Amino acid sequence: MLLRSEPVRADFSVHPEALNAAAQRALLEDVLQAVERAPFYRPVTPGGRPMSVMMTNLGAVGWFTDKDGYRYVDRHPITGAPWPPMPASLIALWNRYGDPERPPDACLVNLYQEGAKMSLHQDKDEADFTAPVVSISLGDTAVFRLGGLKRSDATTSIRLRSGDVCVLAGAARLAFHGVDRVLGGSSQLVPGGGRINLTLRRARL
């Protein structure tokens, strides 16, 4: 397990405790208010398997998966309504850690509850890979795994705690990454327990 103070790899950065306790609570409140209009649902992979995470989106477009593949869509698949806009608190984090010249148009909101994980994958459904991916952790600690440009490359694990921000940019933008497990009960932030991960992206040109 990598120590949080150690460098991970070029173009991948972790900002421990980027949000203090008060900022975490405020951001979570903003996100949960938005999610009331776009409730969490369980997505299905192209192979027909339900994912272990629940998800929803904020912004002009949202990441989506079903039997027809991975893509971005502009509406919630259950309600049929447009995704709610991103709160200003999220845009401020992108401007600080991402690219303020190219604002994000998508925020994937993943809810990890007991037993949920995310297999190694690349974020490659976006139109331009030069824009960074900014990820914000709220709630329970996640055991995050980062690899290389091939699934078979060696990986490194690091614990992402509530309030941490990590950024994939440059050479790391297409690195394989995932969540091996979430340490239940390590935080009391999220009502009912669990972890909420907010992934800000520039999906379109």
C-alpha atoms as a PDB file:
ATOM      1  CA  MET A   1       0.000   0.000   0.000  1.00  0.00           C
ATOM      2  CA  LEU A   2       1.479   3.339  -1.036  1.00  0.00           C
ATOM      3  CA  LEU A   3       1.948   5.963   1.643  1.00  0.00           C
ATOM      4  CA  ARG A   4      -0.157   9.018   0.904  1.00  0.00           C
ATOM      5  CA  SER A   5       2.873  11.308   1.055  1.00  0.00           C
ATOM      6  CA  GLU A   6       4.725   9.389  -1.680  1.00  0.00           C
ATOM      7  CA  PRO A   7       4.509  10.309  -5.371  1.00  0.00           C
ATOM      8  CA  VAL A   8       2.336   7.869  -7.314  1.00  0.00           C
ATOM      9  CA  ARG A   9       3.393   8.405 -10.931  1.00  0.00           C
ATOM     10  CA  ALA A  10       3.836  11.205 -13.423  1.00  0.00           C
ATOM     11  CA  ASP A  11       0.659  13.182 -14.109  1.00  0.00           C
ATOM     12  CA  PHE A  12      -1.321  11.483 -11.346  1.00  0.00           C
ATOM     13  CA  SER A  13      -1.684  13.550  -8.201  1.00  0.00           C
ATOM     14  CA  VAL A  14      -3.424  13.063  -4.878  1.00  0.00           C
ATOM     15  CA  HIS A  15      -4.354  16.056  -2.740  1.00  0.00           C
ATOM     16  CA  PRO A  16      -5.019  14.656   0.752  1.00  0.00           C
ATOM     17  CA  GLU A  17      -7.676  16.466   2.781  1.00  0.00           C
ATOM     18  CA  ALA A  18      -8.246  19.013   0.029  1.00  0.00           C
ATOM     19  CA  LEU A  19     -11.650  19.540   1.651  1.00  0.00           C
ATOM     20  CA  ASN A  20     -11.887  19.992   5.406  1.00  0.00           C
ATOM     21  CA  ALA A  21     -14.798  18.547   7.377  1.00  0.00           C
ATOM     22  CA  ALA A  22     -17.021  21.604   6.911  1.00  0.00           C
ATOM     23  CA  ALA A  23     -16.322  21.742   3.163  1.00  0.00           C
ATOM     24  CA  GLN A  24     -17.079  18.034   2.838  1.00  0.00           C
ATOM     25  CA  ARG A  25     -20.445  18.452   4.530  1.00  0.00           C
ATOM     26  CA  ALA A  26     -21.309  21.464   2.376  1.00  0.00           C
ATOM     27  CA  LEU A  27     -20.359  19.694  -0.860  1.00  0.00           C
ATOM     28  CA  LEU A  28     -22.288  16.566   0.116  1.00  0.00           C
ATOM     29  CA  GLU A  29     -25.367  18.672   0.858  1.00  0.00           C
ATOM     30  CA  ASP A  30     -25.092  20.353  -2.555  1.00  0.00           C
ATOM     31  CA  VAL A  31     -24.764  16.995  -4.300  1.00  0.00           C
ATOM     32  CA  LEU A  32     -27.594  15.276  -2.420  1.00  0.00           C
ATOM     33  CA  GLN A  33     -29.933  18.178  -3.195  1.00  0.00           C
ATOM     34  CA  ALA A  34     -29.149  17.776  -6.886  1.00  0.00           C
ATOM     35  CA  VAL A  35     -29.538  13.991  -6.701  1.00  0.00           C
ATOM     36  CA  GLU A  36     -33.115  14.417  -5.486  1.00  0.00           C
ATOM     37  CA  ARG A  37     -33.920  15.310  -9.106  1.00  0.00           C
ATOM     38  CA  ALA A  38     -31.745  12.538 -10.554  1.00  0.00           C
ATOM     39  CA  PRO A  39     -31.965   9.536  -8.196  1.00  0.00           C
ATOM     40  CA  PHE A  40     -29.288   6.874  -7.988  1.00  0.00           C
ATOM     41  CA  TYR A  41     -29.893   3.806 -10.138  1.00  0.00           C
ATOM     42  CA  ARG A  42     -27.982   0.575 -10.793  1.00  0.00           C
ATOM     43  CA  PRO A  43     -26.433   0.541 -14.278  1.00  0.00           C
ATOM     44  CA  VAL A  44     -25.976  -2.560 -16.412  1.00  0.00           C
ATOM     45  CA  THR A  45     -22.833  -3.350 -18.405  1.00  0.00           C
ATOM     46  CA  PRO A  46     -22.939  -4.170 -22.140  1.00  0.00           C
ATOM     47  CA  GLY A  47     -22.594  -7.808 -21.100  1.00  0.00           C
ATOM     48  CA  GLY A  48     -25.846  -7.562 -19.129  1.00  0.00           C
ATOM     49  CA  ARG A  49     -24.360  -7.542 -15.626  1.00  0.00           C
ATOM     50  CA  PRO A  50     -25.634  -5.086 -13.012  1.00  0.00           C
ATOM     51  CA  MET A  51     -22.781  -3.021 -11.599  1.00  0.00           C
ATOM     52  CA  SER A  52     -22.163  -3.121  -7.847  1.00  0.00           C
ATOM     53  CA  VAL A  53     -22.160   0.676  -7.588  1.00  0.00           C
ATOM     54  CA  MET A  54     -25.212   2.894  -7.812  1.00  0.00           C
ATOM     55  CA  MET A  55     -24.791   5.981  -9.967  1.00  0.00           C
ATOM     56  CA  THR A  56     -26.243   9.170 -11.331  1.00  0.00           C
ATOM     57  CA  ASN A  57     -24.882  12.270 -13.075  1.00  0.00           C
ATOM     58  CA  LEU A  58     -24.766  16.038 -12.905  1.00  0.00           C
ATOM     59  CA  GLY A  59     -24.073  18.412 -15.775  1.00  0.00           C
ATOM     60  CA  ALA A  60     -25.001  18.756 -19.426  1.00  0.00           C
ATOM     61  CA  VAL A  61     -24.241  15.101 -20.158  1.00  0.00           C
ATOM     62  CA  GLY A  62     -23.769  11.994 -18.041  1.00  0.00           C
ATOM     63  CA  TRP A  63     -21.866   8.747 -18.445  1.00  0.00           C
ATOM     64  CA  PHE A  64     -24.138   5.802 -19.161  1.00  0.00           C
ATOM     65  CA  THR A  65     -23.898   2.082 -19.840  1.00  0.00           C
ATOM     66  CA  ASP A  66     -26.387  -0.509 -21.070  1.00  0.00           C
ATOM     67  CA  LYS A  67     -26.479  -3.432 -23.509  1.00  0.00           C
ATOM     68  CA  ASP A  68     -25.648  -1.041 -26.362  1.00  0.00           C
ATOM     69  CA  GLY A  69     -22.356   0.074 -24.823  1.00  0.00           C
ATOM     70  CA  TYR A  70     -20.729   2.954 -22.962  1.00  0.00           C
ATOM     71  CA  ARG A  71     -21.550   6.533 -23.896  1.00  0.00           C
ATOM     72  CA  TYR A  72     -22.689   9.941 -22.691  1.00  0.00           C
ATOM     73  CA  VAL A  73     -26.370  10.864 -22.672  1.00  0.00           C
ATOM     74  CA  ASP A  74     -28.182  14.070 -21.781  1.00  0.00           C
ATOM     75  CA  ARG A  75     -31.036  12.546 -19.739  1.00  0.00           C
ATOM     76  CA  HIS A  76     -31.593  10.324 -16.734  1.00  0.00           C
ATOM     77  CA  PRO A  77     -32.452   6.817 -18.011  1.00  0.00           C
ATOM     78  CA  ILE A  78     -35.232   6.302 -15.453  1.00  0.00           C
ATOM     79  CA  THR A  79     -36.895   9.704 -15.123  1.00  0.00           C
ATOM     80  CA  GLY A  80     -36.213  10.907 -18.673  1.00  0.00           C
ATOM     81  CA  ALA A  81     -35.366  14.353 -17.284  1.00  0.00           C
ATOM     82  CA  PRO A  82     -32.168  16.279 -18.078  1.00  0.00           C
ATOM     83  CA  TRP A  83     -29.357  15.826 -15.589  1.00  0.00           C
ATOM     84  CA  PRO A  84     -29.303  18.536 -12.903  1.00  0.00           C
ATOM     85  CA  PRO A  85     -26.609  21.205 -13.264  1.00  0.00           C
ATOM     86  CA  MET A  86     -23.393  20.881 -11.301  1.00  0.00           C
ATOM     87  CA  PRO A  87     -23.323  22.993  -8.130  1.00  0.00           C
ATOM     88  CA  ALA A  88     -20.871  25.890  -8.013  1.00  0.00           C
ATOM     89  CA  SER A  89     -18.858  24.067  -5.350  1.00  0.00           C
ATOM     90  CA  LEU A  90     -17.935  21.366  -7.878  1.00  0.00           C
ATOM     91  CA  ILE A  91     -16.998  23.883 -10.564  1.00  0.00           C
ATOM     92  CA  ALA A  92     -14.731  25.621  -8.039  1.00  0.00           C
ATOM     93  CA  LEU A  93     -12.902  22.335  -7.384  1.00  0.00           C
ATOM     94  CA  TRP A  94     -12.425  21.768 -11.107  1.00  0.00           C
ATOM     95  CA  ASN A  95     -11.058  25.279 -11.513  1.00  0.00           C
ATOM     96  CA  ARG A  96      -8.579  24.616  -8.722  1.00  0.00           C
ATOM     97  CA  TYR A  97      -7.412  21.129  -9.684  1.00  0.00           C
ATOM     98  CA  GLY A  98      -8.460  20.692 -13.321  1.00  0.00           C
ATOM     99  CA  ASP A  99      -8.440  23.073 -16.283  1.00  0.00           C
ATOM    100  CA  PRO A 100     -10.343  26.344 -15.725  1.00  0.00           C
ATOM    101  CA  GLU A 101     -10.057  27.151 -19.437  1.00  0.00           C
ATOM    102  CA  ARG A 102     -12.165  24.102 -20.300  1.00  0.00           C
ATOM    103  CA  PRO A 103     -15.056  23.705 -17.835  1.00  0.00           C
ATOM    104  CA  PRO A 104     -16.429  20.235 -17.100  1.00  0.00           C
ATOM    105  CA  ASP A 105     -19.686  19.193 -18.723  1.00  0.00           C
ATOM    106  CA  ALA A 106     -20.120  15.877 -16.868  1.00  0.00           C
ATOM    107  CA  CYS A 107     -19.933  14.743 -13.259  1.00  0.00           C
ATOM    108  CA  LEU A 108     -20.411  11.048 -12.612  1.00  0.00           C
ATOM    109  CA  VAL A 109     -21.715  10.439  -9.077  1.00  0.00           C
ATOM    110  CA  ASN A 110     -20.977   6.912  -7.834  1.00  0.00           C
ATOM    111  CA  LEU A 111     -22.404   5.565  -4.581  1.00  0.00           C
ATOM    112  CA  TYR A 112     -20.390   2.721  -3.070  1.00  0.00           C
ATOM    113  CA  GLN A 113     -22.289   0.785  -0.424  1.00  0.00           C
ATOM    114  CA  GLU A 114     -21.431  -2.547   1.197  1.00  0.00           C
ATOM    115  CA  GLY A 115     -19.594  -4.845  -1.214  1.00  0.00           C
ATOM    116  CA  ALA A 116     -19.390  -2.324  -4.061  1.00  0.00           C
ATOM    117  CA  LYS A 117     -16.206  -2.009  -6.106  1.00  0.00           C
ATOM    118  CA  MET A 118     -15.032  -0.876  -9.526  1.00  0.00           C
ATOM    119  CA  SER A 119     -12.889  -3.108 -11.739  1.00  0.00           C
ATOM    120  CA  LEU A 120      -9.855  -1.752 -13.559  1.00  0.00           C
ATOM    121  CA  HIS A 121     -10.922   0.435 -16.456  1.00  0.00           C
ATOM    122  CA  GLN A 122      -9.908   3.418 -18.568  1.00  0.00           C
ATOM    123  CA  ASP A 123     -11.877   6.650 -18.908  1.00  0.00           C
ATOM    124  CA  LYS A 124     -11.952   6.715 -22.703  1.00  0.00           C
ATOM    125  CA  ASP A 125     -15.497   7.619 -23.728  1.00  0.00           C
ATOM    126  CA  GLU A 126     -14.645  11.341 -23.872  1.00  0.00           C
ATOM    127  CA  ALA A 127     -13.959  13.274 -27.082  1.00  0.00           C
ATOM    128  CA  ASP A 128     -10.657  14.834 -25.968  1.00  0.00           C
ATOM    129  CA  PHE A 129      -8.192  13.053 -23.708  1.00  0.00           C
ATOM    130  CA  THR A 130      -6.096  16.176 -23.111  1.00  0.00           C
ATOM    131  CA  ALA A 131      -8.581  17.413 -20.485  1.00  0.00           C
ATOM    132  CA  PRO A 132      -7.896  15.999 -16.992  1.00  0.00           C
ATOM    133  CA  VAL A 133     -10.186  13.856 -14.861  1.00  0.00           C
ATOM    134  CA  VAL A 134     -10.755  15.203 -11.346  1.00  0.00           C
ATOM    135  CA  SER A 135     -12.069  12.801  -8.693  1.00  0.00           C
ATOM    136  CA  ILE A 136     -13.389  13.798  -5.254  1.00  0.00           C
ATOM    137  CA  SER A 137     -13.934  11.333  -2.395  1.00  0.00           C
ATOM    138  CA  LEU A 138     -16.646  11.745   0.238  1.00  0.00           C
ATOM    139  CA  GLY A 139     -17.419   9.267   2.996  1.00  0.00           C
ATOM    140  CA  ASP A 140     -15.814   5.884   3.591  1.00  0.00           C
ATOM    141  CA  THR A 141     -12.188   5.289   2.609  1.00  0.00           C
ATOM    142  CA  ALA A 142     -11.597   3.545  -0.732  1.00  0.00           C
ATOM    143  CA  VAL A 143      -8.709   1.272  -1.659  1.00  0.00           C
ATOM    144  CA  PHE A 144      -7.911   2.757  -5.062  1.00  0.00           C
ATOM    145  CA  ARG A 145      -5.756   0.935  -7.603  1.00  0.00           C
ATOM    146  CA  LEU A 146      -3.791   2.687 -10.357  1.00  0.00           C
ATOM    147  CA  GLY A 147      -2.113   0.896 -13.263  1.00  0.00           C
ATOM    148  CA  GLY A 148      -0.635   1.787 -16.613  1.00  0.00           C
ATOM    149  CA  LEU A 149      -1.865   2.044 -20.180  1.00  0.00           C
ATOM    150  CA  LYS A 150      -2.327  -1.735 -20.427  1.00  0.00           C
ATOM    151  CA  ARG A 151      -4.525  -3.817 -18.178  1.00  0.00           C
ATOM    152  CA  SER A 152      -1.574  -6.138 -17.563  1.00  0.00           C
ATOM    153  CA  ASP A 153       0.718  -3.349 -16.288  1.00  0.00           C
ATOM    154  CA  ALA A 154       1.804  -3.326 -12.655  1.00  0.00           C
ATOM    155  CA  THR A 155      -0.527  -1.486 -10.284  1.00  0.00           C
ATOM    156  CA  THR A 156      -0.186   0.595  -7.138  1.00  0.00           C
ATOM    157  CA  SER A 157      -2.767   0.876  -4.353  1.00  0.00           C
ATOM    158  CA  ILE A 158      -3.513   3.945  -2.298  1.00  0.00           C
ATOM    159  CA  ARG A 159      -6.207   4.744   0.241  1.00  0.00           C
ATOM    160  CA  LEU A 160      -8.441   7.648  -0.713  1.00  0.00           C
ATOM    161  CA  ARG A 161     -10.138   9.193   2.292  1.00  0.00           C
ATOM    162  CA  SER A 162     -13.042  11.592   2.619  1.00  0.00           C
ATOM    163  CA  GLY A 163     -12.035  15.021   1.377  1.00  0.00           C
ATOM    164  CA  ASP A 164      -9.218  13.769  -0.865  1.00  0.00           C
ATOM    165  CA  VAL A 165      -9.003  14.919  -4.480  1.00  0.00           C
ATOM    166  CA  CYS A 166      -7.049  13.036  -7.143  1.00  0.00           C
ATOM    167  CA  VAL A 167      -6.301  14.071 -10.729  1.00  0.00           C
ATOM    168  CA  LEU A 168      -5.490  11.986 -13.788  1.00  0.00           C
ATOM    169  CA  ALA A 169      -3.840  14.110 -16.473  1.00  0.00           C
ATOM    170  CA  GLY A 170      -1.242  13.895 -19.210  1.00  0.00           C
ATOM    171  CA  ALA A 171       0.334  10.454 -19.442  1.00  0.00           C
ATOM    172  CA  ALA A 172      -1.914   9.155 -16.649  1.00  0.00           C
ATOM    173  CA  ARG A 173      -5.129  10.320 -18.287  1.00  0.00           C
ATOM    174  CA  LEU A 174      -5.744   6.905 -19.874  1.00  0.00           C
ATOM    175  CA  ALA A 175      -4.247   4.835 -17.078  1.00  0.00           C
ATOM    176  CA  PHE A 176      -6.239   1.837 -15.891  1.00  0.00           C
ATOM    177  CA  HIS A 177      -7.685   2.422 -12.434  1.00  0.00           C
ATOM    178  CA  GLY A 178     -10.357   1.049 -10.138  1.00  0.00           C
ATOM    179  CA  VAL A 179     -11.591   0.576  -6.582  1.00  0.00           C
ATOM    180  CA  ASP A 180     -10.802  -2.764  -4.939  1.00  0.00           C
ATOM    181  CA  ARG A 181     -12.999  -2.187  -1.902  1.00  0.00           C
ATOM    182  CA  VAL A 182     -14.453   0.412   0.415  1.00  0.00           C
ATOM    183  CA  LEU A 183     -13.706   0.311   4.130  1.00  0.00           C
ATOM    184  CA  GLY A 184     -17.175   0.384   5.641  1.00  0.00           C
ATOM    185  CA  GLY A 185     -17.606   2.469   8.765  1.00  0.00           C
ATOM    186  CA  SER A 186     -14.437   4.499   8.227  1.00  0.00           C
ATOM    187  CA  SER A 187     -16.510   7.684   7.901  1.00  0.00           C
ATOM    188  CA  GLN A 188     -19.860   8.908   9.192  1.00  0.00           C
ATOM    189  CA  LEU A 189     -20.300  11.563   6.496  1.00  0.00           C
ATOM    190  CA  VAL A 190     -22.684   9.883   4.060  1.00  0.00           C
ATOM    191  CA  PRO A 191     -26.179   9.223   5.479  1.00  0.00           C
ATOM    192  CA  GLY A 192     -26.640   5.489   5.827  1.00  0.00           C
ATOM    193  CA  GLY A 193     -22.931   4.891   5.293  1.00  0.00           C
ATOM    194  CA  GLY A 194     -20.838   4.330   2.211  1.00  0.00           C
ATOM    195  CA  ARG A 195     -18.731   6.398  -0.154  1.00  0.00           C
ATOM    196  CA  ILE A 196     -19.716   8.923  -2.788  1.00  0.00           C
ATOM    197  CA  ASN A 197     -17.185   9.557  -5.545  1.00  0.00           C
ATOM    198  CA  LEU A 198     -17.561  12.572  -7.808  1.00  0.00           C
ATOM    199  CA  THR A 199     -15.730  12.345 -11.128  1.00  0.00           C
ATOM    200  CA  LEU A 200     -15.532  15.564 -13.123  1.00  0.00           C
ATOM    201  CA  ARG A 201     -14.799  15.282 -16.838  1.00  0.00           C
ATOM    202  CA  ARG A 202     -14.847  17.205 -20.083  1.00  0.00           C
ATOM    203  CA  ALA A 203     -16.858  14.749 -22.178  1.00  0.00           C
ATOM    204  CA  ARG A 204     -17.394  16.751 -25.370  1.00  0.00           C
ATOM    205  CA  LEU A 205     -15.135  18.953 -27.479  1.00  0.00           C
END
